[in-house]
N, C-alpha and C. Protein backbone atom coordinates (compact mmCIF):
# COMPACT_ATOMS: atom_id res chain seq x y z
N UNK A 1 20.83 -4.11 0.57
CA UNK A 1 19.74 -4.31 -0.36
C UNK A 1 18.55 -4.90 0.40
N UNK A 2 17.38 -4.40 0.10
CA UNK A 2 16.14 -4.93 0.65
C UNK A 2 15.52 -5.83 -0.40
N UNK A 3 15.19 -7.06 0.00
CA UNK A 3 14.55 -8.01 -0.91
C UNK A 3 13.32 -8.61 -0.24
N UNK A 4 12.23 -8.63 -0.98
CA UNK A 4 11.01 -9.31 -0.56
C UNK A 4 10.82 -10.47 -1.53
N UNK A 5 10.63 -11.66 -1.00
CA UNK A 5 10.49 -12.85 -1.84
C UNK A 5 9.18 -13.56 -1.53
N UNK A 6 8.18 -13.39 -2.38
CA UNK A 6 6.90 -14.06 -2.21
C UNK A 6 6.20 -13.70 -0.92
N UNK A 7 6.35 -12.46 -0.47
CA UNK A 7 5.80 -12.03 0.82
C UNK A 7 4.28 -12.02 0.79
N UNK A 8 3.68 -12.72 1.73
CA UNK A 8 2.23 -12.83 1.82
C UNK A 8 1.78 -12.61 3.26
N UNK A 9 0.67 -11.90 3.42
CA UNK A 9 0.05 -11.73 4.73
C UNK A 9 -1.45 -11.92 4.58
N UNK A 10 -1.97 -12.89 5.32
CA UNK A 10 -3.41 -13.17 5.30
C UNK A 10 -4.01 -12.90 6.65
N UNK A 11 -5.23 -12.41 6.65
CA UNK A 11 -6.04 -12.24 7.85
C UNK A 11 -7.28 -13.09 7.63
N UNK A 12 -7.25 -14.32 8.11
CA UNK A 12 -8.31 -15.26 7.82
C UNK A 12 -8.28 -15.61 6.34
N UNK A 13 -9.41 -15.46 5.67
CA UNK A 13 -9.49 -15.76 4.23
C UNK A 13 -9.06 -14.58 3.37
N UNK A 14 -8.85 -13.40 3.99
CA UNK A 14 -8.49 -12.18 3.26
C UNK A 14 -6.97 -12.06 3.15
N UNK A 15 -6.46 -11.93 1.91
CA UNK A 15 -5.02 -11.70 1.70
C UNK A 15 -4.78 -10.21 1.53
N UNK A 16 -4.09 -9.62 2.49
CA UNK A 16 -3.79 -8.19 2.42
C UNK A 16 -2.59 -7.94 1.51
N UNK A 17 -1.60 -8.84 1.54
CA UNK A 17 -0.44 -8.79 0.66
C UNK A 17 -0.31 -10.18 0.06
N UNK A 18 -0.19 -10.26 -1.26
CA UNK A 18 -0.20 -11.55 -1.94
C UNK A 18 1.04 -11.73 -2.81
N UNK A 19 2.01 -12.47 -2.32
CA UNK A 19 3.23 -12.84 -3.07
C UNK A 19 4.00 -11.63 -3.59
N UNK A 20 4.23 -10.64 -2.73
CA UNK A 20 5.00 -9.46 -3.13
C UNK A 20 6.47 -9.82 -3.30
N UNK A 21 7.06 -9.38 -4.40
CA UNK A 21 8.47 -9.58 -4.67
C UNK A 21 9.07 -8.24 -5.05
N UNK A 22 10.22 -7.92 -4.43
CA UNK A 22 10.85 -6.62 -4.64
C UNK A 22 12.34 -6.76 -4.39
N UNK A 23 13.13 -6.01 -5.13
CA UNK A 23 14.57 -5.93 -4.90
C UNK A 23 14.95 -4.46 -5.01
N UNK A 24 15.38 -3.85 -3.89
CA UNK A 24 15.72 -2.44 -3.87
C UNK A 24 17.14 -2.26 -3.34
N UNK A 25 18.05 -1.73 -4.16
CA UNK A 25 19.41 -1.50 -3.70
C UNK A 25 19.48 -0.49 -2.55
N UNK A 26 20.50 -0.61 -1.72
CA UNK A 26 20.68 0.31 -0.60
C UNK A 26 20.81 1.73 -1.14
N UNK A 27 20.14 2.67 -0.48
CA UNK A 27 20.19 4.07 -0.88
C UNK A 27 19.10 4.49 -1.86
N UNK A 28 18.36 3.54 -2.40
CA UNK A 28 17.30 3.85 -3.35
C UNK A 28 16.05 4.29 -2.60
N UNK A 29 15.37 5.31 -3.10
CA UNK A 29 14.10 5.76 -2.55
C UNK A 29 12.97 5.10 -3.32
N UNK A 30 11.96 4.64 -2.58
CA UNK A 30 10.80 4.00 -3.21
C UNK A 30 9.53 4.66 -2.71
N UNK A 31 8.52 4.65 -3.53
CA UNK A 31 7.20 5.08 -3.13
C UNK A 31 6.24 3.91 -3.24
N UNK A 32 5.31 3.82 -2.31
CA UNK A 32 4.30 2.76 -2.34
C UNK A 32 2.96 3.45 -2.56
N UNK A 33 2.35 3.19 -3.71
CA UNK A 33 1.08 3.83 -4.05
C UNK A 33 0.04 2.77 -4.37
N UNK A 34 -1.21 3.14 -4.22
CA UNK A 34 -2.30 2.23 -4.54
C UNK A 34 -3.59 2.74 -3.93
N UNK A 35 -4.66 2.11 -4.29
CA UNK A 35 -5.97 2.53 -3.80
C UNK A 35 -6.13 2.15 -2.32
N UNK A 36 -7.13 2.69 -1.71
CA UNK A 36 -7.44 2.38 -0.32
C UNK A 36 -7.73 0.89 -0.18
N UNK A 37 -7.12 0.26 0.79
CA UNK A 37 -7.34 -1.17 1.04
C UNK A 37 -6.48 -2.09 0.21
N UNK A 38 -5.50 -1.55 -0.51
CA UNK A 38 -4.66 -2.38 -1.39
C UNK A 38 -3.55 -3.12 -0.65
N UNK A 39 -3.29 -2.78 0.61
CA UNK A 39 -2.27 -3.49 1.39
C UNK A 39 -0.98 -2.71 1.60
N UNK A 40 -0.98 -1.41 1.29
CA UNK A 40 0.23 -0.60 1.43
C UNK A 40 0.73 -0.57 2.87
N UNK A 41 -0.15 -0.26 3.79
CA UNK A 41 0.25 -0.18 5.21
C UNK A 41 0.67 -1.53 5.74
N UNK A 42 -0.02 -2.58 5.34
CA UNK A 42 0.35 -3.93 5.78
C UNK A 42 1.73 -4.28 5.26
N UNK A 43 2.04 -3.95 4.02
CA UNK A 43 3.36 -4.20 3.46
C UNK A 43 4.44 -3.50 4.29
N UNK A 44 4.23 -2.24 4.60
CA UNK A 44 5.20 -1.50 5.40
C UNK A 44 5.32 -2.07 6.81
N UNK A 45 4.22 -2.50 7.39
CA UNK A 45 4.26 -3.12 8.72
C UNK A 45 5.02 -4.45 8.69
N UNK A 46 4.93 -5.19 7.60
CA UNK A 46 5.70 -6.42 7.45
C UNK A 46 7.20 -6.12 7.37
N UNK A 47 7.56 -5.10 6.61
CA UNK A 47 8.96 -4.75 6.44
C UNK A 47 9.58 -4.28 7.75
N UNK A 48 8.84 -3.48 8.53
CA UNK A 48 9.43 -2.97 9.77
C UNK A 48 9.21 -3.88 10.98
N UNK A 49 8.62 -5.05 10.77
CA UNK A 49 8.53 -6.06 11.83
C UNK A 49 7.32 -5.95 12.74
N UNK A 50 6.37 -5.08 12.42
CA UNK A 50 5.17 -4.97 13.25
C UNK A 50 4.15 -6.07 12.96
N UNK A 51 4.27 -6.71 11.81
CA UNK A 51 3.44 -7.85 11.44
C UNK A 51 4.34 -9.01 11.05
N UNK A 52 3.87 -10.22 11.24
CA UNK A 52 4.60 -11.43 10.84
C UNK A 52 4.03 -11.94 9.53
N UNK A 53 4.88 -12.22 8.55
CA UNK A 53 4.37 -12.72 7.27
C UNK A 53 3.72 -14.10 7.41
N UNK A 54 2.69 -14.34 6.63
CA UNK A 54 2.08 -15.66 6.54
C UNK A 54 2.97 -16.59 5.72
N UNK A 55 3.62 -16.03 4.70
CA UNK A 55 4.54 -16.79 3.84
C UNK A 55 5.55 -15.82 3.25
N UNK A 56 6.63 -16.37 2.73
CA UNK A 56 7.64 -15.56 2.08
C UNK A 56 8.73 -15.12 3.04
N UNK A 57 9.66 -14.31 2.52
CA UNK A 57 10.80 -13.88 3.31
C UNK A 57 11.16 -12.43 3.01
N UNK A 58 11.74 -11.78 4.03
CA UNK A 58 12.28 -10.43 3.90
C UNK A 58 13.77 -10.52 4.18
N UNK A 59 14.58 -10.05 3.24
CA UNK A 59 16.03 -10.06 3.42
C UNK A 59 16.54 -8.64 3.41
N UNK A 60 17.42 -8.33 4.36
CA UNK A 60 18.07 -7.03 4.44
C UNK A 60 19.57 -7.27 4.48
N UNK A 61 20.27 -6.77 3.49
CA UNK A 61 21.71 -6.94 3.37
C UNK A 61 22.12 -8.40 3.44
N UNK A 62 21.32 -9.27 2.79
CA UNK A 62 21.63 -10.69 2.70
C UNK A 62 21.18 -11.53 3.88
N UNK A 63 20.62 -10.92 4.93
CA UNK A 63 20.15 -11.67 6.09
C UNK A 63 18.63 -11.67 6.14
N UNK A 64 18.05 -12.82 6.44
CA UNK A 64 16.59 -12.91 6.58
C UNK A 64 16.19 -12.29 7.90
N UNK A 65 15.19 -11.40 7.82
CA UNK A 65 14.69 -10.74 9.05
C UNK A 65 13.25 -11.14 9.29
């Protein structure tokens, strides 16, 4: 299971992702949609480890990553 708990990423005073919370069971397909500049790419970069969260946690199969 993938869990995001209060995930936040700030670039200076700009918050690209603000307190995202998600719980997705293993095997579930998800889509991330939104307008340009809404933080979709930043969210995906946080999940795959290319960015470090400013706050919050990412859990995969019960382990914090």
